[in-house]
Amino acid sequence: MSSSPLQTLLDRHQLWRAGLTSAPDKSGLHTGFAALDAALHLGGWPPDGSTELLCDQLGIGELWLLMPSLVERSQHGPIAWINPPCTPNIAAWEHHGLAAHRQLLLSPKLLADQLWAAEEILRSGVFSAVLSWFSCRELQDRQLRRLHVAAKEGQCWHLHFRSGHCAQQVSPAPLRLQLAAETDSLLLRVIKQPGGPAAPELLLARPKELYHRQRPVKDWPSFTSVDLAQHGTSRRRLRLIPALQPARPTPIRTDQRGVQ
């Protein structure tokens, strides 16, 4: 027997219950952080649709926060990276458990091309997650809504990175988090979430390499040849591996005649 129109709306979470529900909806996917799971009414990240991460500083731990979930989702489908601010570090992907051959990197130059590519990939039903960074600071509500609807139709998790000042802008994304760097922690403020009111601010302790790299280069930890010799690593340099690294030009090989 087919379900009633009312039940269909309830199943799709398209009807506002005004808090009158018999049991909380815990359909979210675990974030990998117990405190964050407890703060989100779904019990974790939304399974699909757009999730907005608002931050003004690059490399404060935004990818570290997502990595446990990205690794899990990559088992069910490839992940697309659209216009990341720096070239992804493949070694870091492999280090965290993301297979490089299951990652798709796109770098459209024009906003229209990026919007088209993002919408097509989200709706395709092939990708388990899509991470997007848009050069345009403020997208129109219509553009944001098309991306969210495409992600819902394709059952894909869309992670949209935006500037912190967009927190005041109305957005169709059901979950919006604002991120900021503290001394040794990542500060999360839930601006909006499905299933109830926003949660209070939350602090997650970050790995040391993250806040080391936020300091000026002259203050980064360094190792002398004596230190390396004591640890048996005199022939190789120790370094911290970020998930994103600045882009470097690719050398072009030519033969003796100068032909590529």
C-alpha atoms as a PDB file:
ATOM      1  CA  MET A   1       0.000   0.000   0.000  1.00  0.00           C
ATOM      2  CA  SER A   2       1.390   3.418  -0.984  1.00  0.00           C
ATOM      3  CA  SER A   3       2.168   5.881   1.790  1.00  0.00           C
ATOM      4  CA  SER A   4      -0.007   8.936   2.336  1.00  0.00           C
ATOM      5  CA  PRO A   5       1.137  12.389   1.118  1.00  0.00           C
ATOM      6  CA  LEU A   6       1.589  13.413   4.762  1.00  0.00           C
ATOM      7  CA  GLN A   7       3.873  10.469   5.517  1.00  0.00           C
ATOM      8  CA  THR A   8       5.848  11.175   2.346  1.00  0.00           C
ATOM      9  CA  LEU A   9       6.523  14.735   3.538  1.00  0.00           C
ATOM     10  CA  LEU A  10       7.557  13.446   6.970  1.00  0.00           C
ATOM     11  CA  ASP A  11       9.917  10.871   5.484  1.00  0.00           C
ATOM     12  CA  ARG A  12      11.580  13.526   3.320  1.00  0.00           C
ATOM     13  CA  HIS A  13      11.908  15.939   6.272  1.00  0.00           C
ATOM     14  CA  GLN A  14       9.955  18.555   4.302  1.00  0.00           C
ATOM     15  CA  LEU A  15       7.377  19.264   6.995  1.00  0.00           C
ATOM     16  CA  TRP A  16       8.039  21.444  10.018  1.00  0.00           C
ATOM     17  CA  ARG A  17       6.920  19.615  13.160  1.00  0.00           C
ATOM     18  CA  ALA A  18       7.486  22.599  15.476  1.00  0.00           C
ATOM     19  CA  GLY A  19       9.259  20.342  17.974  1.00  0.00           C
ATOM     20  CA  LEU A  20       6.286  17.945  18.171  1.00  0.00           C
ATOM     21  CA  THR A  21       8.079  14.708  17.402  1.00  0.00           C
ATOM     22  CA  SER A  22       8.067  11.443  19.283  1.00  0.00           C
ATOM     23  CA  ALA A  23      11.723  10.618  18.775  1.00  0.00           C
ATOM     24  CA  PRO A  24      14.758  12.602  17.597  1.00  0.00           C
ATOM     25  CA  ASP A  25      15.997  12.035  14.072  1.00  0.00           C
ATOM     26  CA  LYS A  26      19.462  10.440  14.293  1.00  0.00           C
ATOM     27  CA  SER A  27      19.963   9.789  10.600  1.00  0.00           C
ATOM     28  CA  GLY A  28      23.261  11.688  10.491  1.00  0.00           C
ATOM     29  CA  LEU A  29      26.606  10.061   9.765  1.00  0.00           C
ATOM     30  CA  HIS A  30      29.169  10.112  12.548  1.00  0.00           C
ATOM     31  CA  THR A  31      31.724  12.904  12.327  1.00  0.00           C
ATOM     32  CA  GLY A  32      34.491  11.048  14.154  1.00  0.00           C
ATOM     33  CA  PHE A  33      34.217  13.462  17.091  1.00  0.00           C
ATOM     34  CA  ALA A  34      31.875  12.442  19.922  1.00  0.00           C
ATOM     35  CA  ALA A  35      31.379  16.019  21.134  1.00  0.00           C
ATOM     36  CA  LEU A  36      30.365  17.202  17.657  1.00  0.00           C
ATOM     37  CA  ASP A  37      28.005  14.253  17.168  1.00  0.00           C
ATOM     38  CA  ALA A  38      26.307  15.177  20.452  1.00  0.00           C
ATOM     39  CA  ALA A  39      25.967  18.826  19.400  1.00  0.00           C
ATOM     40  CA  LEU A  40      24.304  17.981  16.066  1.00  0.00           C
ATOM     41  CA  HIS A  41      20.640  17.016  16.297  1.00  0.00           C
ATOM     42  CA  LEU A  42      21.044  14.433  13.535  1.00  0.00           C
ATOM     43  CA  GLY A  43      23.789  12.750  15.518  1.00  0.00           C
ATOM     44  CA  GLY A  44      26.356  13.570  12.830  1.00  0.00           C
ATOM     45  CA  TRP A  45      26.761  15.067   9.366  1.00  0.00           C
ATOM     46  CA  PRO A  46      23.733  15.169   7.048  1.00  0.00           C
ATOM     47  CA  PRO A  47      23.851  12.227   4.617  1.00  0.00           C
ATOM     48  CA  ASP A  48      23.284  14.502   1.601  1.00  0.00           C
ATOM     49  CA  GLY A  49      22.556  18.079   0.584  1.00  0.00           C
ATOM     50  CA  SER A  50      24.728  21.119   1.220  1.00  0.00           C
ATOM     51  CA  THR A  51      26.747  21.705   4.382  1.00  0.00           C
ATOM     52  CA  GLU A  52      28.387  25.104   4.681  1.00  0.00           C
ATOM     53  CA  LEU A  53      31.698  25.656   6.480  1.00  0.00           C
ATOM     54  CA  LEU A  54      32.380  29.350   7.012  1.00  0.00           C
ATOM     55  CA  CYS A  55      35.930  30.429   7.814  1.00  0.00           C
ATOM     56  CA  ASP A  56      38.194  33.368   6.989  1.00  0.00           C
ATOM     57  CA  GLN A  57      41.528  31.611   7.421  1.00  0.00           C
ATOM     58  CA  LEU A  58      42.966  28.748   5.404  1.00  0.00           C
ATOM     59  CA  GLY A  59      44.456  25.664   7.031  1.00  0.00           C
ATOM     60  CA  ILE A  60      43.028  26.039  10.528  1.00  0.00           C
ATOM     61  CA  GLY A  61      41.787  22.442  10.571  1.00  0.00           C
ATOM     62  CA  GLU A  62      38.782  22.506   8.249  1.00  0.00           C
ATOM     63  CA  LEU A  63      39.953  19.417   6.347  1.00  0.00           C
ATOM     64  CA  TRP A  64      41.202  17.697   9.509  1.00  0.00           C
ATOM     65  CA  LEU A  65      37.640  18.086  10.858  1.00  0.00           C
ATOM     66  CA  LEU A  66      36.185  16.375   7.790  1.00  0.00           C
ATOM     67  CA  MET A  67      38.814  13.716   7.197  1.00  0.00           C
ATOM     68  CA  PRO A  68      37.247  10.862   9.265  1.00  0.00           C
ATOM     69  CA  SER A  69      33.977  11.217   7.356  1.00  0.00           C
ATOM     70  CA  LEU A  70      35.640  11.684   3.968  1.00  0.00           C
ATOM     71  CA  VAL A  71      37.657   8.496   4.449  1.00  0.00           C
ATOM     72  CA  GLU A  72      34.497   6.572   5.294  1.00  0.00           C
ATOM     73  CA  ARG A  73      32.496   8.012   2.403  1.00  0.00           C
ATOM     74  CA  SER A  74      35.285   7.365  -0.079  1.00  0.00           C
ATOM     75  CA  GLN A  75      34.587   3.658   0.417  1.00  0.00           C
ATOM     76  CA  HIS A  76      31.185   4.173  -1.218  1.00  0.00           C
ATOM     77  CA  GLY A  77      32.165   6.442  -4.094  1.00  0.00           C
ATOM     78  CA  PRO A  78      34.771   8.888  -5.378  1.00  0.00           C
ATOM     79  CA  ILE A  79      35.171  12.420  -4.007  1.00  0.00           C
ATOM     80  CA  ALA A  80      35.351  15.580  -6.120  1.00  0.00           C
ATOM     81  CA  TRP A  81      37.408  18.656  -5.191  1.00  0.00           C
ATOM     82  CA  ILE A  82      36.315  21.776  -7.080  1.00  0.00           C
ATOM     83  CA  ASN A  83      38.628  24.795  -7.091  1.00  0.00           C
ATOM     84  CA  PRO A  84      40.488  24.163  -3.807  1.00  0.00           C
ATOM     85  CA  PRO A  85      42.564  27.207  -2.762  1.00  0.00           C
ATOM     86  CA  CYS A  86      45.818  25.198  -2.951  1.00  0.00           C
ATOM     87  CA  THR A  87      46.950  22.121  -4.804  1.00  0.00           C
ATOM     88  CA  PRO A  88      45.995  19.003  -2.809  1.00  0.00           C
ATOM     89  CA  ASN A  89      48.901  17.078  -1.337  1.00  0.00           C
ATOM     90  CA  ILE A  90      48.561  13.508  -2.626  1.00  0.00           C
ATOM     91  CA  ALA A  91      50.918  12.178   0.054  1.00  0.00           C
ATOM     92  CA  ALA A  92      48.656  13.650   2.715  1.00  0.00           C
ATOM     93  CA  TRP A  93      45.612  12.040   1.097  1.00  0.00           C
ATOM     94  CA  GLU A  94      47.285   8.649   1.238  1.00  0.00           C
ATOM     95  CA  HIS A  95      48.534   9.288   4.779  1.00  0.00           C
ATOM     96  CA  HIS A  96      45.008   9.946   6.027  1.00  0.00           C
ATOM     97  CA  GLY A  97      43.498   7.011   4.125  1.00  0.00           C
ATOM     98  CA  LEU A  98      42.134   8.705   0.988  1.00  0.00           C
ATOM     99  CA  ALA A  99      43.112   6.763  -2.119  1.00  0.00           C
ATOM    100  CA  ALA A 100      44.355   9.228  -4.742  1.00  0.00           C
ATOM    101  CA  HIS A 101      42.741   7.312  -7.619  1.00  0.00           C
ATOM    102  CA  ARG A 102      39.316   7.915  -6.044  1.00  0.00           C
ATOM    103  CA  GLN A 103      39.713  11.714  -5.982  1.00  0.00           C
ATOM    104  CA  LEU A 104      38.682  14.037  -8.820  1.00  0.00           C
ATOM    105  CA  LEU A 105      40.253  17.508  -8.979  1.00  0.00           C
ATOM    106  CA  LEU A 106      38.571  20.220 -11.079  1.00  0.00           C
ATOM    107  CA  SER A 107      39.718  23.825 -11.531  1.00  0.00           C
ATOM    108  CA  PRO A 108      37.171  25.765 -13.626  1.00  0.00           C
ATOM    109  CA  LYS A 109      38.215  29.340 -14.325  1.00  0.00           C
ATOM    110  CA  LEU A 110      34.799  30.944 -14.818  1.00  0.00           C
ATOM    111  CA  LEU A 111      32.060  31.067 -12.192  1.00  0.00           C
ATOM    112  CA  ALA A 112      29.452  29.830 -14.695  1.00  0.00           C
ATOM    113  CA  ASP A 113      31.622  26.802 -15.506  1.00  0.00           C
ATOM    114  CA  GLN A 114      32.190  26.035 -11.837  1.00  0.00           C
ATOM    115  CA  LEU A 115      28.482  26.246 -11.013  1.00  0.00           C
ATOM    116  CA  TRP A 116      27.633  23.992 -13.966  1.00  0.00           C
ATOM    117  CA  ALA A 117      30.312  21.424 -13.092  1.00  0.00           C
ATOM    118  CA  ALA A 118      29.344  21.350  -9.411  1.00  0.00           C
ATOM    119  CA  GLU A 119      25.661  20.899 -10.180  1.00  0.00           C
ATOM    120  CA  GLU A 120      26.266  18.122 -12.709  1.00  0.00           C
ATOM    121  CA  ILE A 121      28.619  16.216 -10.399  1.00  0.00           C
ATOM    122  CA  LEU A 122      26.303  16.555  -7.403  1.00  0.00           C
ATOM    123  CA  ARG A 123      23.304  15.315  -9.380  1.00  0.00           C
ATOM    124  CA  SER A 124      25.171  12.459 -11.088  1.00  0.00           C
ATOM    125  CA  GLY A 125      24.707  10.007  -8.218  1.00  0.00           C
ATOM    126  CA  VAL A 126      28.291   8.784  -8.702  1.00  0.00           C
ATOM    127  CA  PHE A 127      30.159  10.802  -6.079  1.00  0.00           C
ATOM    128  CA  SER A 128      29.876  10.286  -2.336  1.00  0.00           C
ATOM    129  CA  ALA A 129      31.054  13.820  -1.512  1.00  0.00           C
ATOM    130  CA  VAL A 130      31.916  17.063  -3.285  1.00  0.00           C
ATOM    131  CA  LEU A 131      34.051  19.819  -1.765  1.00  0.00           C
ATOM    132  CA  SER A 132      33.745  23.232  -3.423  1.00  0.00           C
ATOM    133  CA  TRP A 133      35.413  26.611  -3.002  1.00  0.00           C
ATOM    134  CA  PHE A 134      33.953  29.508  -5.000  1.00  0.00           C
ATOM    135  CA  SER A 135      35.955  32.613  -5.857  1.00  0.00           C
ATOM    136  CA  CYS A 136      32.748  34.644  -5.851  1.00  0.00           C
ATOM    137  CA  ARG A 137      32.277  35.655  -2.222  1.00  0.00           C
ATOM    138  CA  GLU A 138      28.480  35.937  -2.328  1.00  0.00           C
ATOM    139  CA  LEU A 139      26.467  33.590  -4.476  1.00  0.00           C
ATOM    140  CA  GLN A 140      22.818  34.287  -5.153  1.00  0.00           C
ATOM    141  CA  ASP A 141      20.174  32.378  -3.248  1.00  0.00           C
ATOM    142  CA  ARG A 142      19.032  30.767  -6.500  1.00  0.00           C
ATOM    143  CA  GLN A 143      22.544  29.458  -7.180  1.00  0.00           C
ATOM    144  CA  LEU A 144      22.947  28.084  -3.645  1.00  0.00           C
ATOM    145  CA  ARG A 145      19.551  26.419  -3.823  1.00  0.00           C
ATOM    146  CA  ARG A 146      20.313  24.714  -7.134  1.00  0.00           C
ATOM    147  CA  LEU A 147      23.470  23.193  -5.626  1.00  0.00           C
ATOM    148  CA  HIS A 148      21.609  21.976  -2.543  1.00  0.00           C
ATOM    149  CA  VAL A 149      18.788  20.454  -4.602  1.00  0.00           C
ATOM    150  CA  ALA A 150      21.270  18.754  -6.944  1.00  0.00           C
ATOM    151  CA  ALA A 151      23.075  17.237  -3.936  1.00  0.00           C
ATOM    152  CA  LYS A 152      19.779  15.937  -2.542  1.00  0.00           C
ATOM    153  CA  GLU A 153      18.791  14.417  -5.869  1.00  0.00           C
ATOM    154  CA  GLY A 154      22.187  12.751  -6.298  1.00  0.00           C
ATOM    155  CA  GLN A 155      22.305  11.658  -2.629  1.00  0.00           C
ATOM    156  CA  CYS A 156      25.675  13.387  -2.377  1.00  0.00           C
ATOM    157  CA  TRP A 157      27.230  15.299   0.524  1.00  0.00           C
ATOM    158  CA  HIS A 158      28.155  18.796  -0.654  1.00  0.00           C
ATOM    159  CA  LEU A 159      30.734  20.597   1.484  1.00  0.00           C
ATOM    160  CA  HIS A 160      30.702  24.256   0.549  1.00  0.00           C
ATOM    161  CA  PHE A 161      33.518  26.421   1.943  1.00  0.00           C
ATOM    162  CA  ARG A 162      32.591  30.095   2.207  1.00  0.00           C
ATOM    163  CA  SER A 163      33.912  33.260   3.798  1.00  0.00           C
ATOM    164  CA  GLY A 164      32.960  33.948   7.415  1.00  0.00           C
ATOM    165  CA  HIS A 165      31.113  37.137   6.535  1.00  0.00           C
ATOM    166  CA  CYS A 166      28.534  35.004   4.676  1.00  0.00           C
ATOM    167  CA  ALA A 167      27.178  33.937   8.072  1.00  0.00           C
ATOM    168  CA  GLN A 168      24.769  36.885   7.859  1.00  0.00           C
ATOM    169  CA  GLN A 169      23.526  35.763   4.448  1.00  0.00           C
ATOM    170  CA  VAL A 170      20.433  33.584   4.190  1.00  0.00           C
ATOM    171  CA  SER A 171      21.301  30.138   2.844  1.00  0.00           C
ATOM    172  CA  PRO A 172      19.269  27.025   1.927  1.00  0.00           C
ATOM    173  CA  ALA A 173      21.966  24.763   3.425  1.00  0.00           C
ATOM    174  CA  PRO A 174      20.379  22.915   6.383  1.00  0.00           C
ATOM    175  CA  LEU A 175      23.682  22.821   8.318  1.00  0.00           C
ATOM    176  CA  ARG A 176      25.988  25.842   8.611  1.00  0.00           C
ATOM    177  CA  LEU A 177      29.099  25.892  10.812  1.00  0.00           C
ATOM    178  CA  GLN A 178      31.438  28.798  11.438  1.00  0.00           C
ATOM    179  CA  LEU A 179      35.050  27.819  12.153  1.00  0.00           C
ATOM    180  CA  ALA A 180      37.765  29.831  13.876  1.00  0.00           C
ATOM    181  CA  ALA A 181      41.242  29.035  15.181  1.00  0.00           C
ATOM    182  CA  GLU A 182      42.008  29.203  18.882  1.00  0.00           C
ATOM    183  CA  THR A 183      45.502  28.674  20.315  1.00  0.00           C
ATOM    184  CA  ASP A 184      45.409  24.873  20.181  1.00  0.00           C
ATOM    185  CA  SER A 185      41.760  24.212  19.339  1.00  0.00           C
ATOM    186  CA  LEU A 186      39.234  24.598  16.562  1.00  0.00           C
ATOM    187  CA  LEU A 187      36.225  26.701  17.563  1.00  0.00           C
ATOM    188  CA  LEU A 188      32.930  25.593  16.015  1.00  0.00           C
ATOM    189  CA  ARG A 189      29.755  27.629  16.131  1.00  0.00           C
ATOM    190  CA  VAL A 190      26.633  25.990  14.739  1.00  0.00           C
ATOM    191  CA  ILE A 191      24.736  28.798  13.024  1.00  0.00           C
ATOM    192  CA  LYS A 192      21.935  26.625  11.701  1.00  0.00           C
ATOM    193  CA  GLN A 193      21.089  22.951  11.753  1.00  0.00           C
ATOM    194  CA  PRO A 194      18.124  20.689  10.977  1.00  0.00           C
ATOM    195  CA  GLY A 195      16.040  19.271  13.764  1.00  0.00           C
ATOM    196  CA  GLY A 196      16.109  22.135  16.234  1.00  0.00           C
ATOM    197  CA  PRO A 197      17.910  25.250  17.434  1.00  0.00           C
ATOM    198  CA  ALA A 198      21.594  25.909  16.913  1.00  0.00           C
ATOM    199  CA  ALA A 199      24.021  24.389  19.416  1.00  0.00           C
ATOM    200  CA  PRO A 200      26.399  26.320  21.697  1.00  0.00           C
ATOM    201  CA  GLU A 201      30.016  26.888  20.719  1.00  0.00           C
ATOM    202  CA  LEU A 202      32.264  23.846  20.701  1.00  0.00           C
ATOM    203  CA  LEU A 203      36.049  23.508  21.032  1.00  0.00           C
ATOM    204  CA  LEU A 204      37.915  20.575  19.450  1.00  0.00           C
ATOM    205  CA  ALA A 205      41.613  20.073  20.269  1.00  0.00           C
ATOM    206  CA  ARG A 206      43.690  20.185  17.074  1.00  0.00           C
ATOM    207  CA  PRO A 207      46.878  18.277  16.232  1.00  0.00           C
ATOM    208  CA  LYS A 208      49.992  20.314  17.008  1.00  0.00           C
ATOM    209  CA  GLU A 209      51.123  20.501  13.389  1.00  0.00           C
ATOM    210  CA  LEU A 210      48.030  22.539  12.520  1.00  0.00           C
ATOM    211  CA  TYR A 211      48.653  25.402  14.892  1.00  0.00           C
ATOM    212  CA  HIS A 212      52.422  25.229  14.352  1.00  0.00           C
ATOM    213  CA  ARG A 213      51.839  26.056  10.700  1.00  0.00           C
ATOM    214  CA  GLN A 214      49.670  29.080  11.545  1.00  0.00           C
ATOM    215  CA  ARG A 215      52.639  30.806  13.127  1.00  0.00           C
ATOM    216  CA  PRO A 216      55.165  32.766  11.035  1.00  0.00           C
ATOM    217  CA  VAL A 217      57.617  30.567   9.122  1.00  0.00           C
ATOM    218  CA  LYS A 218      60.507  31.763  11.304  1.00  0.00           C
ATOM    219  CA  ASP A 219      58.721  30.250  14.331  1.00  0.00           C
ATOM    220  CA  TRP A 220      58.097  26.824  12.766  1.00  0.00           C
ATOM    221  CA  PRO A 221      59.778  23.875  14.539  1.00  0.00           C
ATOM    222  CA  SER A 222      63.136  23.090  12.951  1.00  0.00           C
ATOM    223  CA  PHE A 223      65.593  20.203  13.260  1.00  0.00           C
ATOM    224  CA  THR A 224      69.363  20.525  13.124  1.00  0.00           C
ATOM    225  CA  SER A 225      71.613  17.878  11.642  1.00  0.00           C
ATOM    226  CA  VAL A 226      72.565  16.872  15.190  1.00  0.00           C
ATOM    227  CA  ASP A 227      68.903  16.366  16.141  1.00  0.00           C
ATOM    228  CA  LEU A 228      68.313  14.260  13.037  1.00  0.00           C
ATOM    229  CA  ALA A 229      71.415  12.143  13.621  1.00  0.00           C
ATOM    230  CA  GLN A 230      70.266  11.385  17.171  1.00  0.00           C
ATOM    231  CA  HIS A 231      66.975  10.098  15.787  1.00  0.00           C
ATOM    232  CA  GLY A 232      68.602   8.088  13.002  1.00  0.00           C
ATOM    233  CA  THR A 233      67.265  10.350  10.252  1.00  0.00           C
ATOM    234  CA  SER A 234      70.423  12.166   9.173  1.00  0.00           C
ATOM    235  CA  ARG A 235      69.763  11.491   5.478  1.00  0.00           C
ATOM    236  CA  ARG A 236      66.219  12.806   5.373  1.00  0.00           C
ATOM    237  CA  ARG A 237      64.448  15.875   6.619  1.00  0.00           C
ATOM    238  CA  LEU A 238      61.466  15.755   8.913  1.00  0.00           C
ATOM    239  CA  ARG A 239      58.480  17.731   7.721  1.00  0.00           C
ATOM    240  CA  LEU A 240      54.794  18.159   8.484  1.00  0.00           C
ATOM    241  CA  ILE A 241      52.391  17.141   5.733  1.00  0.00           C
ATOM    242  CA  PRO A 242      49.407  19.455   5.185  1.00  0.00           C
ATOM    243  CA  ALA A 243      46.358  18.327   3.235  1.00  0.00           C
ATOM    244  CA  LEU A 244      46.782  21.266   0.864  1.00  0.00           C
ATOM    245  CA  GLN A 245      50.024  22.748  -0.401  1.00  0.00           C
ATOM    246  CA  PRO A 246      50.744  25.823  -2.559  1.00  0.00           C
ATOM    247  CA  ALA A 247      50.618  25.158  -6.260  1.00  0.00           C
ATOM    248  CA  ARG A 248      53.936  24.784  -8.050  1.00  0.00           C
ATOM    249  CA  PRO A 249      54.502  25.068 -11.798  1.00  0.00           C
ATOM    250  CA  THR A 250      54.993  21.761 -13.556  1.00  0.00           C
ATOM    251  CA  PRO A 251      58.323  21.630 -15.448  1.00  0.00           C
ATOM    252  CA  ILE A 252      58.053  21.035 -19.198  1.00  0.00           C
ATOM    253  CA  ARG A 253      60.484  18.520 -20.623  1.00  0.00           C
ATOM    254  CA  THR A 254      62.006  19.216 -24.040  1.00  0.00           C
ATOM    255  CA  ASP A 255      64.372  17.271 -26.247  1.00  0.00           C
ATOM    256  CA  GLN A 256      67.681  18.580 -27.569  1.00  0.00           C
ATOM    257  CA  ARG A 257      65.910  20.342 -30.439  1.00  0.00           C
ATOM    258  CA  GLY A 258      63.700  22.238 -27.989  1.00  0.00           C
ATOM    259  CA  VAL A 259      60.558  20.385 -29.081  1.00  0.00           C
ATOM    260  CA  GLN A 260      58.109  19.459 -26.291  1.00  0.00           C
END
